[in-house]
Protein backbone atom coordinates (compact mmCIF):
# COMPACT_ATOMS: atom_id res chain seq x y z
CA MET A 1 0.00 0.00 0.00
CA PRO A 2 1.39 3.48 -0.87
CA ARG A 3 2.55 5.51 2.12
CA ARG A 4 0.40 8.46 3.15
CA THR A 5 3.26 10.47 4.69
CA SER A 6 7.05 10.70 4.58
CA VAL A 7 7.36 10.26 8.34
CA ALA A 8 8.72 7.15 10.04
CA LEU A 9 7.68 7.00 13.69
CA ASN A 10 10.36 6.38 16.27
CA VAL A 11 9.28 3.30 18.22
CA VAL A 12 10.33 1.34 21.29
CA GLU A 13 9.33 -2.31 21.20
CA ARG A 14 9.06 -4.90 23.97
CA GLY A 15 8.11 -8.57 23.99
CA ALA A 16 6.69 -10.91 21.36
CA GLY A 17 3.25 -12.23 20.50
CA THR A 18 -0.08 -10.49 19.99
CA PRO A 19 0.66 -6.84 19.10
CA VAL A 20 -0.38 -4.02 21.43
CA LEU A 21 -0.12 -0.51 19.94
CA ALA A 22 0.05 2.27 22.55
CA LEU A 23 -0.50 5.93 21.58
CA HIS A 24 0.54 8.64 24.01
CA GLY A 25 -1.13 12.01 24.48
CA TRP A 26 -0.40 15.53 23.25
CA THR A 27 3.18 16.71 24.03
CA PRO A 28 4.58 13.73 26.02
CA ASP A 29 6.18 10.80 24.20
CA HIS A 30 6.29 7.00 24.27
CA ARG A 31 7.70 6.97 27.81
CA LEU A 32 4.26 7.81 29.21
CA MET A 33 2.75 4.62 27.78
CA LEU A 34 5.79 2.44 28.40
CA GLY A 35 5.87 3.49 32.05
CA CYS A 36 2.26 2.61 32.75
CA LEU A 37 1.85 -0.50 30.57
CA GLU A 38 5.06 -2.44 31.12
CA PRO A 39 4.18 -3.23 34.76
CA VAL A 40 0.88 -4.66 33.50
CA PHE A 41 2.65 -6.94 31.00
CA ALA A 42 5.43 -7.97 33.40
CA THR A 43 3.39 -11.03 34.39
CA ARG A 44 1.60 -11.44 31.04
CA PRO A 45 3.83 -12.99 28.38
CA GLY A 46 2.71 -13.34 24.78
CA TYR A 47 2.31 -9.67 23.84
CA ARG A 48 4.41 -7.53 21.50
CA ARG A 49 4.19 -3.98 22.81
CA LEU A 50 4.76 -1.12 20.37
CA TYR A 51 5.38 2.36 21.81
CA PRO A 52 5.77 4.94 19.00
CA ASP A 53 6.41 8.66 19.32
CA LEU A 54 3.80 10.69 17.46
CA PRO A 55 5.10 13.28 14.96
CA ALA A 56 6.59 16.39 16.63
CA MET A 57 6.89 14.48 19.90
CA GLY A 58 9.73 12.44 21.33
CA ALA A 59 12.20 11.46 18.61
CA THR A 60 9.75 11.55 15.68
CA PRO A 61 10.11 14.60 13.41
CA ALA A 62 7.25 16.58 11.91
CA PRO A 63 8.19 18.15 8.57
CA PRO A 64 6.02 20.98 7.21
CA SER A 65 3.83 18.42 5.43
CA ILE A 66 2.59 17.29 8.87
CA ALA A 67 0.14 20.08 9.58
CA SER A 68 -3.00 18.57 11.14
CA SER A 69 -4.45 15.75 13.21
CA ASP A 70 -5.40 14.08 9.94
CA ASP A 71 -1.67 13.98 9.09
CA LEU A 72 -0.83 12.45 12.48
CA LEU A 73 -3.49 9.81 11.93
CA ASP A 74 -2.03 9.09 8.48
CA ALA A 75 1.40 8.65 10.07
CA VAL A 76 -0.07 6.15 12.53
CA LEU A 77 -1.82 4.29 9.69
CA ASP A 78 1.51 4.12 7.83
CA PHE A 79 3.11 2.74 10.98
CA VAL A 80 0.44 0.04 11.29
CA ASP A 81 0.91 -0.93 7.65
CA ASP A 82 4.70 -1.05 8.00
CA SER A 83 4.88 -2.79 11.38
CA LEU A 84 1.78 -4.98 11.48
CA GLY A 85 0.39 -5.29 7.97
CA ASP A 86 -3.03 -6.88 8.34
CA GLN A 87 -2.21 -8.60 11.65
CA PRO A 88 -4.87 -8.07 14.36
CA PHE A 89 -3.76 -5.96 17.33
CA LEU A 90 -4.88 -4.40 20.60
CA LEU A 91 -4.99 -0.63 20.87
CA VAL A 92 -4.41 1.66 23.86
CA GLY A 93 -4.66 5.46 23.69
CA GLN A 94 -4.12 8.11 26.35
CA SER A 95 -5.64 11.63 26.20
CA TYR A 96 -5.15 12.95 22.63
CA GLY A 97 -3.76 9.53 21.77
CA GLY A 98 -7.20 8.20 22.69
CA TYR A 99 -8.72 10.54 20.11
CA LEU A 100 -6.41 9.14 17.43
CA ALA A 101 -7.04 5.59 18.67
CA ARG A 102 -10.78 5.98 18.21
CA ALA A 103 -10.18 7.23 14.67
CA LEU A 104 -7.90 4.27 14.03
CA VAL A 105 -10.68 1.94 15.18
CA ARG A 106 -13.04 3.59 12.70
CA SER A 107 -10.48 3.04 9.93
CA ARG A 108 -9.53 -0.55 10.92
CA PRO A 109 -12.52 -1.98 12.84
CA GLU A 110 -11.84 -5.58 11.78
CA GLN A 111 -8.15 -5.40 12.69
CA VAL A 112 -8.47 -3.97 16.21
CA LEU A 113 -9.13 -6.76 18.74
CA GLY A 114 -9.90 -4.41 21.61
CA LEU A 115 -9.64 -0.74 22.59
CA ALA A 116 -8.51 0.80 25.89
CA LEU A 117 -8.77 4.56 26.48
CA VAL A 118 -6.97 6.25 29.39
CA CYS A 119 -8.15 9.77 30.28
CA PRO A 120 -9.09 10.23 26.62
CA ALA A 121 -10.32 13.38 24.99
CA GLY A 122 -14.07 12.84 24.80
CA THR A 123 -16.73 14.15 22.46
CA ALA A 124 -15.41 17.70 22.99
CA LEU A 125 -11.85 17.99 21.67
CA GLU A 126 -11.22 21.67 22.33
CA PRO A 127 -10.46 22.45 26.01
CA ALA A 128 -12.83 25.43 25.98
CA ASP A 129 -15.73 23.12 25.09
CA ARG A 130 -15.08 20.46 27.72
CA ARG A 131 -17.06 20.02 30.91
CA VAL A 132 -14.35 19.45 33.49
CA PRO A 133 -14.18 19.68 37.30
CA GLU A 134 -12.35 22.45 39.08
CA ARG A 135 -8.69 21.78 39.71
CA GLN A 136 -8.31 19.99 43.03
CA VAL A 137 -5.36 18.53 44.94
CA LEU A 138 -6.45 15.79 47.35
CA ARG A 139 -3.01 14.71 48.58
CA PRO A 140 -0.90 17.90 48.72
CA ASP A 141 2.76 17.98 49.77
CA PRO A 142 4.10 21.55 49.84
CA GLU A 143 7.48 20.40 51.17
CA LEU A 144 7.89 18.07 48.21
CA LEU A 145 7.15 20.88 45.75
CA ALA A 146 9.60 23.14 47.55
CA SER A 147 12.35 20.54 47.21
CA VAL A 148 12.45 20.59 43.39
CA ASP A 149 13.26 23.20 40.77
CA ALA A 150 10.61 25.77 39.91
CA ARG A 151 9.79 24.41 36.46
CA THR A 152 9.32 20.82 37.68
CA ALA A 153 7.22 22.02 40.60
CA GLU A 154 4.99 24.08 38.31
CA GLU A 155 4.43 21.31 35.76
CA PHE A 156 3.83 18.67 38.43
CA ALA A 157 1.51 20.84 40.53
CA ASP A 158 -0.54 21.78 37.47
CA MET A 159 -1.69 18.17 36.99
CA ALA A 160 -1.04 16.25 40.21
CA VAL A 161 -4.00 15.32 42.38
CA VAL A 162 -1.68 13.13 44.46
CA GLN A 163 1.64 14.73 45.38
CA THR A 164 4.03 12.08 46.70
CA PRO A 165 7.69 11.27 46.01
CA GLU A 166 6.57 8.30 43.88
CA THR A 167 4.10 10.25 41.73
CA LEU A 168 6.74 12.96 41.30
CA ARG A 169 9.36 10.40 40.25
CA ARG A 170 7.07 8.86 37.68
CA PHE A 171 5.93 12.27 36.44
CA ARG A 172 9.53 13.26 35.85
CA GLU A 173 10.47 10.03 34.07
CA GLU A 174 7.29 9.32 32.12
CA VAL A 175 5.73 12.75 31.43
CA LEU A 176 8.17 15.62 31.93
CA ALA A 177 10.91 13.93 29.90
CA GLY A 178 8.55 13.89 26.94
CA LEU A 179 7.53 17.51 27.43
CA ASP A 180 11.19 18.48 27.24
CA ALA A 181 11.64 16.60 23.95
CA ALA A 182 8.61 18.04 22.12
CA ASP A 183 8.93 20.14 18.97
CA THR A 184 6.66 22.96 20.11
CA GLU A 185 6.93 24.90 16.84
CA SER A 186 5.64 21.96 14.80
CA MET A 187 2.99 21.22 17.40
CA ALA A 188 1.70 24.78 17.13
CA ARG A 189 1.31 24.28 13.36
CA ILE A 190 -0.59 21.02 13.86
CA ARG A 191 -2.70 22.55 16.62
CA GLN A 192 -4.26 24.95 14.11
CA ARG A 193 -6.00 21.98 12.45
CA TRP A 194 -6.54 19.82 15.51
CA THR A 195 -9.97 18.40 14.74
CA LEU A 196 -10.03 15.30 12.53
CA SER A 197 -11.92 15.56 9.25
CA GLU A 198 -14.01 12.53 10.15
CA ASP A 199 -15.74 12.00 13.49
CA PRO A 200 -14.13 8.94 15.14
CA GLU A 201 -17.61 7.77 16.13
CA GLY A 202 -19.12 8.54 12.75
CA GLY A 203 -19.07 4.94 11.58
CA ALA A 204 -20.60 1.74 12.88
CA PRO A 205 -20.39 1.01 16.63
CA PHE A 206 -17.28 -0.92 17.71
CA PRO A 207 -18.47 -4.31 19.02
CA ARG A 208 -15.29 -5.58 20.69
CA PRO A 209 -14.03 -5.36 24.31
CA THR A 210 -13.38 -1.76 25.28
CA LEU A 211 -12.21 0.00 28.43
CA ILE A 212 -12.64 3.71 29.17
CA LEU A 213 -10.78 4.99 32.26
CA THR A 214 -11.30 8.53 33.54
CA GLY A 215 -10.25 10.51 36.61
CA ARG A 216 -12.85 12.09 38.89
CA GLN A 217 -10.50 15.04 39.47
CA ASP A 218 -9.22 15.25 35.88
CA HIS A 219 -9.47 18.96 35.06
CA ALA A 220 -7.84 18.46 31.63
CA THR A 221 -10.23 16.10 29.81
CA GLY A 222 -12.78 15.40 32.56
CA TYR A 223 -15.11 12.40 32.59
CA LEU A 224 -18.51 13.60 31.34
CA GLU A 225 -17.93 13.68 27.57
CA GLN A 226 -16.34 10.24 27.79
CA PHE A 227 -19.57 8.83 29.20
CA ASP A 228 -21.26 10.09 26.04
CA LEU A 229 -19.06 7.71 24.03
CA LEU A 230 -20.72 4.61 25.50
CA PRO A 231 -23.44 4.11 22.86
CA HIS A 232 -20.72 3.73 20.23
CA TYR A 233 -18.85 1.13 22.29
CA PRO A 234 -21.45 -1.41 23.43
CA ARG A 235 -18.80 -3.68 24.99
CA ALA A 236 -17.18 -0.92 27.05
CA SER A 237 -16.45 -0.96 30.74
CA PHE A 238 -16.48 2.65 31.97
CA ALA A 239 -14.71 3.70 35.20
CA VAL A 240 -14.36 7.03 36.94
CA LEU A 241 -11.56 6.74 39.51
CA ASP A 242 -11.59 8.94 42.57
CA VAL A 243 -8.32 10.48 43.79
CA ALA A 244 -7.14 10.57 40.19
CA GLY A 245 -6.48 13.35 37.73
CA HIS A 246 -5.22 13.36 34.15
CA ASN A 247 -2.31 11.10 35.15
CA LEU A 248 -4.52 8.48 36.80
CA GLN A 249 -2.13 5.71 35.74
CA ILE A 250 0.41 7.25 38.13
CA GLU A 251 -1.99 8.18 40.92
CA GLN A 252 -4.04 4.96 40.97
CA PRO A 253 -1.56 2.36 39.65
CA ALA A 254 -3.18 -0.65 41.35
CA LEU A 255 -6.65 0.09 39.97
CA PHE A 256 -5.15 0.94 36.61
CA GLY A 257 -3.34 -2.39 36.46
CA ALA A 258 -6.37 -4.37 37.61
CA LEU A 259 -8.72 -2.78 35.07
CA LEU A 260 -6.23 -3.10 32.21
CA GLY A 261 -5.70 -6.72 33.16
CA GLU A 262 -9.43 -7.43 33.13
CA TRP A 263 -9.68 -5.82 29.69
CA LEU A 264 -6.83 -8.00 28.42
CA ASP A 265 -8.65 -11.04 29.77
CA ARG A 266 -11.84 -10.06 27.95
CA VAL A 267 -9.96 -9.56 24.69
CA ALA A 268 -8.10 -12.87 25.05
CA ALA A 269 -11.35 -14.75 25.72
CA GLU A 270 -12.70 -13.68 22.33
CA ALA A 271 -9.53 -13.71 20.22
């Protein structure tokens, strides 16, 4: 099949077996998904995990021809063609990566064995249109914030509902590292055409095992618009986790792992 773009996604790969494609959110890179998913797969052999960097993020470039979300989706479709061909795979998307994942499901409904969405953008893509809760910190630690540099403290405090040494460590390694690597100039160009040309839910409902995880205190994407996705995903489990913001995988790791594991079990039972 002819390539849609000239971009080759940088990818980190782990394991062998049934493919699992993991798409990170807007601005971070593959380390966000690798950090939260690898502990889940540590006791689950038989999966080939693919962690690409989206264009303009991580180590994947975004030439001027990459100028919209449609172009990012095309780059992901090229990656699937190059790396998986027509092989069935599982799909996980976080935040904006969940938006692209839903569009990928619309494009490849027969190839996707199951879909998991983590704090995804919901039916309202633009932040100004989202219904989100007020920012709230349930486990504050002022001394912890005072112990780090100003930029780290600001970025961490902006999102963290749970402020502990462990959530800070993971934020630094899995989120902040990606923020530092992002090509902000190219992202600003893409941001001007952020909405996909086709509604991800504009096709037929997706009838395979789905998981939608949201944070009760997520003031970035919220949890209300995600509930509105349920009619399109009739096999979806939907969870709103308390004491969890936009980085719920860091703040509620045990629940995250349990729910992802149950989704993997549902997919495996029907594969």
